[in-house]
Amino acid sequence: MIEIDVSNFTPFSCLVGGVFIGIAVILYFISTGKLAGVSGIVYNVFNNGVISSKQRFSNLLFLIGLVLGPLFYSIILQSNISFKITSSIPLIVLGGILVGLGTKIGSGCTSGHGICGISRFSIRSIVATVFFMFLAMATVLLLKLLGFN
């Protein structure tokens, strides 16, 4: 039997986080005219010749903010941000490859489709996000059944 862990059920902090993500997406769109899909932003930072240096700089600032945000949060609140990840290096590498492949096949990542696409009522993004969520739940169930924690 699989146990369901409800210790991470934190609706208030999730709501606050969602509002901040929404504000960040709006500010990014207003300041750059682009949607905030992380896979596209990473691609644009590391792919020469695709975008202007000004756009590349704003994308780089976005990525730096993704790293610094949690660091500032943990410093301000004087607490660690705890999360669990498997200790299986091959599983982590396989997961990374599959996520990268999925973002290429799906023409975007969960942030691009799930946040920006759904907010624009994009049918493609809604369908992609439903598949992301379904496959994420199926993957967690399968890994739990196989004994990975």
N, C-alpha and C. Protein backbone atom coordinates (compact mmCIF):
# COMPACT_ATOMS: atom_id res chain seq x y z
N MET A 1 0.84 -1.18 0.00
CA MET A 1 0.00 0.00 0.00
C MET A 1 0.88 1.24 0.00
N ILE A 2 0.48 2.25 -0.75
CA ILE A 2 1.23 3.49 -0.85
C ILE A 2 0.64 4.50 0.11
N GLU A 3 1.53 5.11 0.91
CA GLU A 3 1.09 6.15 1.84
C GLU A 3 1.11 7.49 1.14
N ILE A 4 0.14 8.31 1.47
CA ILE A 4 0.09 9.66 0.93
C ILE A 4 0.60 10.61 2.01
N ASP A 5 1.63 11.37 1.67
CA ASP A 5 2.24 12.31 2.61
C ASP A 5 1.57 13.67 2.44
N VAL A 6 0.85 14.11 3.45
CA VAL A 6 0.17 15.41 3.38
C VAL A 6 0.94 16.49 4.13
N SER A 7 2.14 16.20 4.57
CA SER A 7 2.91 17.20 5.31
C SER A 7 3.31 18.38 4.44
N ASN A 8 3.32 18.19 3.12
CA ASN A 8 3.66 19.28 2.22
C ASN A 8 2.44 20.04 1.74
N PHE A 9 1.27 19.76 2.29
CA PHE A 9 0.05 20.46 1.91
C PHE A 9 0.05 21.82 2.60
N THR A 10 0.44 22.84 1.87
CA THR A 10 0.56 24.19 2.43
C THR A 10 -0.16 25.17 1.52
N PRO A 11 -1.48 25.21 1.59
CA PRO A 11 -2.23 26.03 0.63
C PRO A 11 -1.92 27.52 0.70
N PHE A 12 -1.69 28.07 1.89
CA PHE A 12 -1.43 29.51 1.98
C PHE A 12 -0.11 29.87 1.31
N SER A 13 0.96 29.15 1.64
CA SER A 13 2.24 29.48 1.03
C SER A 13 2.22 29.21 -0.47
N CYS A 14 1.47 28.21 -0.90
CA CYS A 14 1.34 27.95 -2.34
C CYS A 14 0.61 29.09 -3.03
N LEU A 15 -0.43 29.62 -2.39
CA LEU A 15 -1.16 30.75 -2.96
C LEU A 15 -0.26 31.97 -3.07
N VAL A 16 0.48 32.26 -2.01
CA VAL A 16 1.38 33.41 -2.03
C VAL A 16 2.45 33.22 -3.11
N GLY A 17 3.02 32.03 -3.18
CA GLY A 17 4.02 31.74 -4.21
C GLY A 17 3.44 31.89 -5.61
N GLY A 18 2.22 31.41 -5.81
CA GLY A 18 1.57 31.54 -7.11
C GLY A 18 1.34 32.98 -7.50
N VAL A 19 0.95 33.80 -6.53
CA VAL A 19 0.76 35.23 -6.81
C VAL A 19 2.09 35.86 -7.21
N PHE A 20 3.16 35.53 -6.49
CA PHE A 20 4.47 36.08 -6.85
C PHE A 20 4.92 35.62 -8.24
N ILE A 21 4.66 34.36 -8.55
CA ILE A 21 5.01 33.87 -9.89
C ILE A 21 4.22 34.63 -10.95
N GLY A 22 2.93 34.82 -10.70
CA GLY A 22 2.10 35.57 -11.64
C GLY A 22 2.60 36.98 -11.84
N ILE A 23 2.96 37.65 -10.76
CA ILE A 23 3.49 39.01 -10.85
C ILE A 23 4.80 39.02 -11.64
N ALA A 24 5.66 38.04 -11.36
CA ALA A 24 6.95 37.97 -12.07
C ALA A 24 6.74 37.76 -13.56
N VAL A 25 5.78 36.91 -13.92
CA VAL A 25 5.50 36.64 -15.34
C VAL A 25 4.99 37.91 -16.02
N ILE A 26 4.10 38.63 -15.33
CA ILE A 26 3.57 39.88 -15.89
C ILE A 26 4.70 40.90 -16.07
N LEU A 27 5.53 41.07 -15.04
CA LEU A 27 6.64 42.03 -15.13
C LEU A 27 7.62 41.65 -16.24
N TYR A 28 7.89 40.35 -16.37
CA TYR A 28 8.80 39.90 -17.42
C TYR A 28 8.22 40.21 -18.79
N PHE A 29 6.92 39.94 -18.95
CA PHE A 29 6.27 40.20 -20.24
C PHE A 29 6.24 41.69 -20.57
N ILE A 30 5.92 42.50 -19.58
CA ILE A 30 5.87 43.95 -19.79
C ILE A 30 7.26 44.50 -20.15
N SER A 31 8.28 44.00 -19.46
CA SER A 31 9.63 44.55 -19.67
C SER A 31 10.33 44.00 -20.91
N THR A 32 9.96 42.79 -21.36
CA THR A 32 10.67 42.20 -22.50
C THR A 32 9.78 41.94 -23.71
N GLY A 33 8.47 41.87 -23.48
CA GLY A 33 7.56 41.51 -24.57
C GLY A 33 7.57 40.03 -24.88
N LYS A 34 8.20 39.24 -24.02
CA LYS A 34 8.31 37.79 -24.23
C LYS A 34 7.64 37.05 -23.09
N LEU A 35 7.22 35.82 -23.37
CA LEU A 35 6.66 34.95 -22.32
C LEU A 35 7.79 34.33 -21.51
N ALA A 36 7.50 34.00 -20.27
CA ALA A 36 8.52 33.53 -19.34
C ALA A 36 8.59 32.01 -19.28
N GLY A 37 8.92 31.37 -20.37
CA GLY A 37 9.16 29.93 -20.36
C GLY A 37 10.63 29.68 -20.07
N VAL A 38 10.93 28.96 -19.01
CA VAL A 38 12.32 28.82 -18.57
C VAL A 38 13.17 28.08 -19.61
N SER A 39 12.64 27.06 -20.25
CA SER A 39 13.45 26.34 -21.24
C SER A 39 13.83 27.25 -22.40
N GLY A 40 12.91 28.10 -22.84
CA GLY A 40 13.22 29.05 -23.91
C GLY A 40 14.23 30.10 -23.46
N ILE A 41 14.11 30.53 -22.22
CA ILE A 41 15.05 31.52 -21.68
C ILE A 41 16.45 30.93 -21.60
N VAL A 42 16.56 29.72 -21.11
CA VAL A 42 17.88 29.05 -21.03
C VAL A 42 18.45 28.88 -22.43
N TYR A 43 17.63 28.44 -23.36
CA TYR A 43 18.07 28.26 -24.74
C TYR A 43 18.60 29.58 -25.31
N ASN A 44 17.86 30.67 -25.09
CA ASN A 44 18.27 31.96 -25.64
C ASN A 44 19.56 32.49 -25.02
N VAL A 45 19.80 32.18 -23.75
CA VAL A 45 21.03 32.65 -23.10
C VAL A 45 22.25 31.96 -23.70
N PHE A 46 22.12 30.66 -23.99
CA PHE A 46 23.29 29.88 -24.42
C PHE A 46 23.39 29.68 -25.92
N ASN A 47 22.44 30.17 -26.70
CA ASN A 47 22.48 30.00 -28.15
C ASN A 47 22.82 31.33 -28.81
N ASN A 48 24.02 31.43 -29.33
CA ASN A 48 24.49 32.68 -29.95
C ASN A 48 23.73 32.98 -31.23
N GLY A 49 23.44 34.26 -31.43
CA GLY A 49 22.88 34.70 -32.70
C GLY A 49 21.36 34.65 -32.80
N VAL A 50 20.68 34.07 -31.83
CA VAL A 50 19.23 33.95 -31.94
C VAL A 50 18.53 35.23 -31.53
N ILE A 51 19.02 35.89 -30.48
CA ILE A 51 18.38 37.10 -29.97
C ILE A 51 19.42 38.20 -29.79
N SER A 52 18.95 39.41 -29.54
CA SER A 52 19.86 40.54 -29.34
C SER A 52 20.58 40.41 -28.00
N SER A 53 21.66 41.15 -27.86
CA SER A 53 22.42 41.10 -26.60
C SER A 53 21.59 41.65 -25.45
N LYS A 54 20.71 42.63 -25.73
CA LYS A 54 19.83 43.17 -24.69
C LYS A 54 18.87 42.10 -24.18
N GLN A 55 18.27 41.34 -25.11
CA GLN A 55 17.37 40.25 -24.72
C GLN A 55 18.13 39.15 -23.99
N ARG A 56 19.33 38.86 -24.46
CA ARG A 56 20.14 37.83 -23.80
C ARG A 56 20.45 38.24 -22.37
N PHE A 57 20.76 39.53 -22.17
CA PHE A 57 21.06 40.04 -20.84
C PHE A 57 19.84 39.93 -19.93
N SER A 58 18.65 40.30 -20.42
CA SER A 58 17.45 40.19 -19.59
C SER A 58 17.14 38.73 -19.27
N ASN A 59 17.39 37.84 -20.21
CA ASN A 59 17.19 36.41 -19.94
C ASN A 59 18.18 35.91 -18.89
N LEU A 60 19.42 36.37 -18.98
CA LEU A 60 20.43 35.99 -17.99
C LEU A 60 20.03 36.51 -16.61
N LEU A 61 19.53 37.74 -16.53
CA LEU A 61 19.07 38.27 -15.25
C LEU A 61 17.92 37.43 -14.69
N PHE A 62 17.03 36.98 -15.55
CA PHE A 62 15.92 36.12 -15.12
C PHE A 62 16.46 34.84 -14.49
N LEU A 63 17.42 34.21 -15.15
CA LEU A 63 18.00 32.96 -14.62
C LEU A 63 18.74 33.20 -13.30
N ILE A 64 19.46 34.31 -13.21
CA ILE A 64 20.14 34.64 -11.96
C ILE A 64 19.11 34.83 -10.84
N GLY A 65 17.99 35.47 -11.18
CA GLY A 65 16.92 35.63 -10.20
C GLY A 65 16.34 34.31 -9.74
N LEU A 66 16.26 33.33 -10.63
CA LEU A 66 15.77 32.00 -10.24
C LEU A 66 16.68 31.35 -9.20
N VAL A 67 17.97 31.64 -9.29
CA VAL A 67 18.92 31.08 -8.34
C VAL A 67 18.95 31.90 -7.05
N LEU A 68 18.97 33.23 -7.19
CA LEU A 68 19.10 34.09 -6.02
C LEU A 68 17.82 34.18 -5.18
N GLY A 69 16.67 34.02 -5.81
CA GLY A 69 15.40 34.12 -5.09
C GLY A 69 15.32 33.19 -3.88
N PRO A 70 15.53 31.89 -4.07
CA PRO A 70 15.50 30.99 -2.91
C PRO A 70 16.60 31.28 -1.89
N LEU A 71 17.76 31.74 -2.36
CA LEU A 71 18.83 32.07 -1.43
C LEU A 71 18.43 33.25 -0.54
N PHE A 72 17.87 34.30 -1.14
CA PHE A 72 17.39 35.44 -0.35
C PHE A 72 16.28 35.01 0.60
N TYR A 73 15.40 34.18 0.12
CA TYR A 73 14.29 33.69 0.96
C TYR A 73 14.83 32.98 2.20
N SER A 74 15.79 32.09 2.01
CA SER A 74 16.33 31.35 3.15
C SER A 74 17.12 32.26 4.09
N ILE A 75 17.78 33.28 3.56
CA ILE A 75 18.52 34.23 4.40
C ILE A 75 17.55 35.10 5.20
N ILE A 76 16.53 35.62 4.54
CA ILE A 76 15.57 36.50 5.22
C ILE A 76 14.81 35.75 6.30
N LEU A 77 14.36 34.53 6.01
CA LEU A 77 13.59 33.76 6.99
C LEU A 77 14.47 32.95 7.94
N GLN A 78 15.77 33.00 7.73
CA GLN A 78 16.73 32.27 8.58
C GLN A 78 16.37 30.79 8.68
N SER A 79 16.02 30.20 7.54
CA SER A 79 15.70 28.77 7.54
C SER A 79 16.15 28.15 6.23
N ASN A 80 16.33 26.85 6.29
CA ASN A 80 16.69 26.10 5.09
C ASN A 80 15.43 25.77 4.31
N ILE A 81 15.58 25.63 3.02
CA ILE A 81 14.49 25.18 2.18
C ILE A 81 14.70 23.69 1.99
N SER A 82 13.87 22.90 2.66
CA SER A 82 14.09 21.46 2.60
C SER A 82 13.28 20.84 1.46
N PHE A 83 13.89 19.90 0.80
CA PHE A 83 13.20 19.13 -0.23
C PHE A 83 13.91 17.79 -0.34
N LYS A 84 13.18 16.81 -0.84
CA LYS A 84 13.76 15.49 -1.01
C LYS A 84 14.02 15.24 -2.49
N ILE A 85 15.14 14.60 -2.75
CA ILE A 85 15.45 14.17 -4.10
C ILE A 85 16.11 12.80 -3.97
N THR A 86 15.94 12.00 -4.96
CA THR A 86 16.53 10.67 -4.91
C THR A 86 18.06 10.76 -4.88
N SER A 87 18.69 9.79 -4.30
CA SER A 87 20.15 9.76 -4.28
C SER A 87 20.70 8.96 -5.46
N SER A 88 19.83 8.50 -6.34
CA SER A 88 20.24 7.73 -7.50
C SER A 88 20.69 8.66 -8.63
N ILE A 89 21.99 8.75 -8.85
CA ILE A 89 22.53 9.61 -9.90
C ILE A 89 22.00 9.20 -11.28
N PRO A 90 21.99 7.90 -11.62
CA PRO A 90 21.43 7.53 -12.94
C PRO A 90 19.98 7.96 -13.11
N LEU A 91 19.19 7.88 -12.05
CA LEU A 91 17.79 8.30 -12.13
C LEU A 91 17.68 9.81 -12.33
N ILE A 92 18.54 10.58 -11.67
CA ILE A 92 18.55 12.04 -11.84
C ILE A 92 18.95 12.39 -13.28
N VAL A 93 19.98 11.74 -13.81
CA VAL A 93 20.43 12.01 -15.18
C VAL A 93 19.33 11.63 -16.18
N LEU A 94 18.72 10.46 -15.99
CA LEU A 94 17.64 10.03 -16.88
C LEU A 94 16.48 11.02 -16.82
N GLY A 95 16.13 11.47 -15.62
CA GLY A 95 15.06 12.45 -15.48
C GLY A 95 15.37 13.75 -16.20
N GLY A 96 16.61 14.21 -16.08
CA GLY A 96 17.02 15.44 -16.77
C GLY A 96 16.95 15.30 -18.28
N ILE A 97 17.39 14.16 -18.78
CA ILE A 97 17.33 13.92 -20.22
C ILE A 97 15.88 13.88 -20.70
N LEU A 98 15.02 13.19 -19.95
CA LEU A 98 13.62 13.10 -20.34
C LEU A 98 12.92 14.46 -20.28
N VAL A 99 13.25 15.27 -19.28
CA VAL A 99 12.66 16.61 -19.20
C VAL A 99 13.13 17.45 -20.38
N GLY A 100 14.42 17.40 -20.69
CA GLY A 100 14.94 18.15 -21.84
C GLY A 100 14.31 17.70 -23.14
N LEU A 101 14.17 16.40 -23.32
CA LEU A 101 13.52 15.86 -24.52
C LEU A 101 12.06 16.30 -24.59
N GLY A 102 11.39 16.24 -23.44
CA GLY A 102 9.98 16.64 -23.40
C GLY A 102 9.78 18.11 -23.73
N THR A 103 10.68 18.96 -23.26
CA THR A 103 10.53 20.39 -23.57
C THR A 103 10.75 20.65 -25.05
N LYS A 104 11.61 19.86 -25.68
CA LYS A 104 11.85 20.02 -27.11
C LYS A 104 10.65 19.52 -27.91
N ILE A 105 10.15 18.34 -27.56
CA ILE A 105 9.00 17.77 -28.26
C ILE A 105 7.75 18.61 -28.04
N GLY A 106 7.55 19.08 -26.81
CA GLY A 106 6.36 19.84 -26.46
C GLY A 106 6.45 21.32 -26.76
N SER A 107 7.55 21.74 -27.37
CA SER A 107 7.78 23.15 -27.69
C SER A 107 7.62 24.05 -26.48
N GLY A 108 8.14 23.61 -25.35
CA GLY A 108 8.08 24.43 -24.15
C GLY A 108 8.10 23.58 -22.91
N CYS A 109 8.25 24.25 -21.78
CA CYS A 109 8.35 23.56 -20.50
C CYS A 109 7.10 23.81 -19.67
N THR A 110 7.11 23.28 -18.46
CA THR A 110 5.94 23.42 -17.59
C THR A 110 5.66 24.88 -17.26
N SER A 111 6.69 25.68 -17.10
CA SER A 111 6.45 27.10 -16.79
C SER A 111 5.87 27.83 -18.00
N GLY A 112 6.39 27.54 -19.17
CA GLY A 112 5.87 28.20 -20.37
C GLY A 112 4.44 27.82 -20.66
N HIS A 113 4.17 26.51 -20.67
CA HIS A 113 2.82 26.05 -20.96
C HIS A 113 1.89 26.24 -19.76
N GLY A 114 2.34 25.82 -18.58
CA GLY A 114 1.46 25.80 -17.41
C GLY A 114 1.12 27.16 -16.87
N ILE A 115 2.03 28.10 -16.95
CA ILE A 115 1.77 29.42 -16.40
C ILE A 115 1.36 30.39 -17.51
N CYS A 116 2.21 30.54 -18.49
CA CYS A 116 1.94 31.53 -19.53
C CYS A 116 0.91 31.05 -20.55
N GLY A 117 0.99 29.79 -20.94
CA GLY A 117 0.08 29.27 -21.96
C GLY A 117 -1.35 29.16 -21.47
N ILE A 118 -1.54 28.61 -20.29
CA ILE A 118 -2.90 28.48 -19.75
C ILE A 118 -3.52 29.84 -19.51
N SER A 119 -2.72 30.80 -19.05
CA SER A 119 -3.27 32.14 -18.79
C SER A 119 -3.70 32.82 -20.08
N ARG A 120 -3.18 32.37 -21.23
CA ARG A 120 -3.60 32.91 -22.53
C ARG A 120 -4.67 32.02 -23.18
N PHE A 121 -5.15 31.03 -22.44
CA PHE A 121 -6.17 30.08 -22.92
C PHE A 121 -5.71 29.32 -24.16
N SER A 122 -4.42 29.01 -24.23
CA SER A 122 -3.88 28.24 -25.35
C SER A 122 -4.27 26.77 -25.19
N ILE A 123 -5.01 26.26 -26.16
CA ILE A 123 -5.44 24.85 -26.10
C ILE A 123 -4.22 23.93 -26.06
N ARG A 124 -3.22 24.24 -26.87
CA ARG A 124 -1.99 23.42 -26.90
C ARG A 124 -1.35 23.38 -25.52
N SER A 125 -1.29 24.52 -24.84
CA SER A 125 -0.68 24.57 -23.51
C SER A 125 -1.53 23.86 -22.47
N ILE A 126 -2.84 23.97 -22.57
CA ILE A 126 -3.72 23.27 -21.64
C ILE A 126 -3.54 21.77 -21.78
N VAL A 127 -3.53 21.29 -23.02
CA VAL A 127 -3.34 19.85 -23.26
C VAL A 127 -1.95 19.41 -22.78
N ALA A 128 -0.92 20.20 -23.07
CA ALA A 128 0.44 19.87 -22.63
C ALA A 128 0.51 19.80 -21.11
N THR A 129 -0.10 20.76 -20.42
CA THR A 129 -0.05 20.78 -18.97
C THR A 129 -0.79 19.61 -18.36
N VAL A 130 -1.92 19.24 -18.94
CA VAL A 130 -2.64 18.05 -18.46
C VAL A 130 -1.75 16.82 -18.60
N PHE A 131 -1.07 16.69 -19.73
CA PHE A 131 -0.14 15.56 -19.90
C PHE A 131 1.02 15.63 -18.92
N PHE A 132 1.59 16.82 -18.71
CA PHE A 132 2.68 16.97 -17.72
C PHE A 132 2.23 16.45 -16.37
N MET A 133 1.07 16.92 -15.93
CA MET A 133 0.59 16.57 -14.59
C MET A 133 0.28 15.07 -14.49
N PHE A 134 -0.39 14.54 -15.49
CA PHE A 134 -0.72 13.12 -15.48
C PHE A 134 0.55 12.27 -15.46
N LEU A 135 1.49 12.59 -16.32
CA LEU A 135 2.73 11.81 -16.37
C LEU A 135 3.57 11.99 -15.11
N ALA A 136 3.55 13.17 -14.51
CA ALA A 136 4.27 13.38 -13.25
C ALA A 136 3.68 12.50 -12.15
N MET A 137 2.35 12.47 -12.07
CA MET A 137 1.71 11.62 -11.04
C MET A 137 1.99 10.14 -11.31
N ALA A 138 1.92 9.73 -12.57
CA ALA A 138 2.19 8.34 -12.91
C ALA A 138 3.64 7.97 -12.61
N THR A 139 4.55 8.89 -12.86
CA THR A 139 5.97 8.64 -12.58
C THR A 139 6.21 8.48 -11.09
N VAL A 140 5.63 9.36 -10.29
CA VAL A 140 5.79 9.26 -8.83
C VAL A 140 5.21 7.94 -8.34
N LEU A 141 4.04 7.57 -8.82
CA LEU A 141 3.42 6.30 -8.41
C LEU A 141 4.31 5.13 -8.81
N LEU A 142 4.80 5.12 -10.03
CA LEU A 142 5.66 4.04 -10.49
C LEU A 142 6.93 3.94 -9.67
N LEU A 143 7.58 5.07 -9.41
CA LEU A 143 8.82 5.05 -8.63
C LEU A 143 8.56 4.59 -7.19
N LYS A 144 7.44 4.97 -6.63
CA LYS A 144 7.10 4.50 -5.27
C LYS A 144 6.86 2.99 -5.28
N LEU A 145 6.18 2.51 -6.32
CA LEU A 145 5.93 1.06 -6.43
C LEU A 145 7.23 0.29 -6.61
N LEU A 146 8.21 0.91 -7.28
CA LEU A 146 9.51 0.26 -7.49
C LEU A 146 10.46 0.41 -6.31
N GLY A 147 10.03 1.19 -5.29
CA GLY A 147 10.82 1.32 -4.09
C GLY A 147 11.75 2.50 -4.03
N PHE A 148 11.66 3.42 -5.00
CA PHE A 148 12.47 4.64 -4.94
C PHE A 148 11.78 5.64 -4.03
N ASN A 149 12.56 6.32 -3.21
CA ASN A 149 11.98 7.34 -2.34
C ASN A 149 12.54 8.68 -2.61
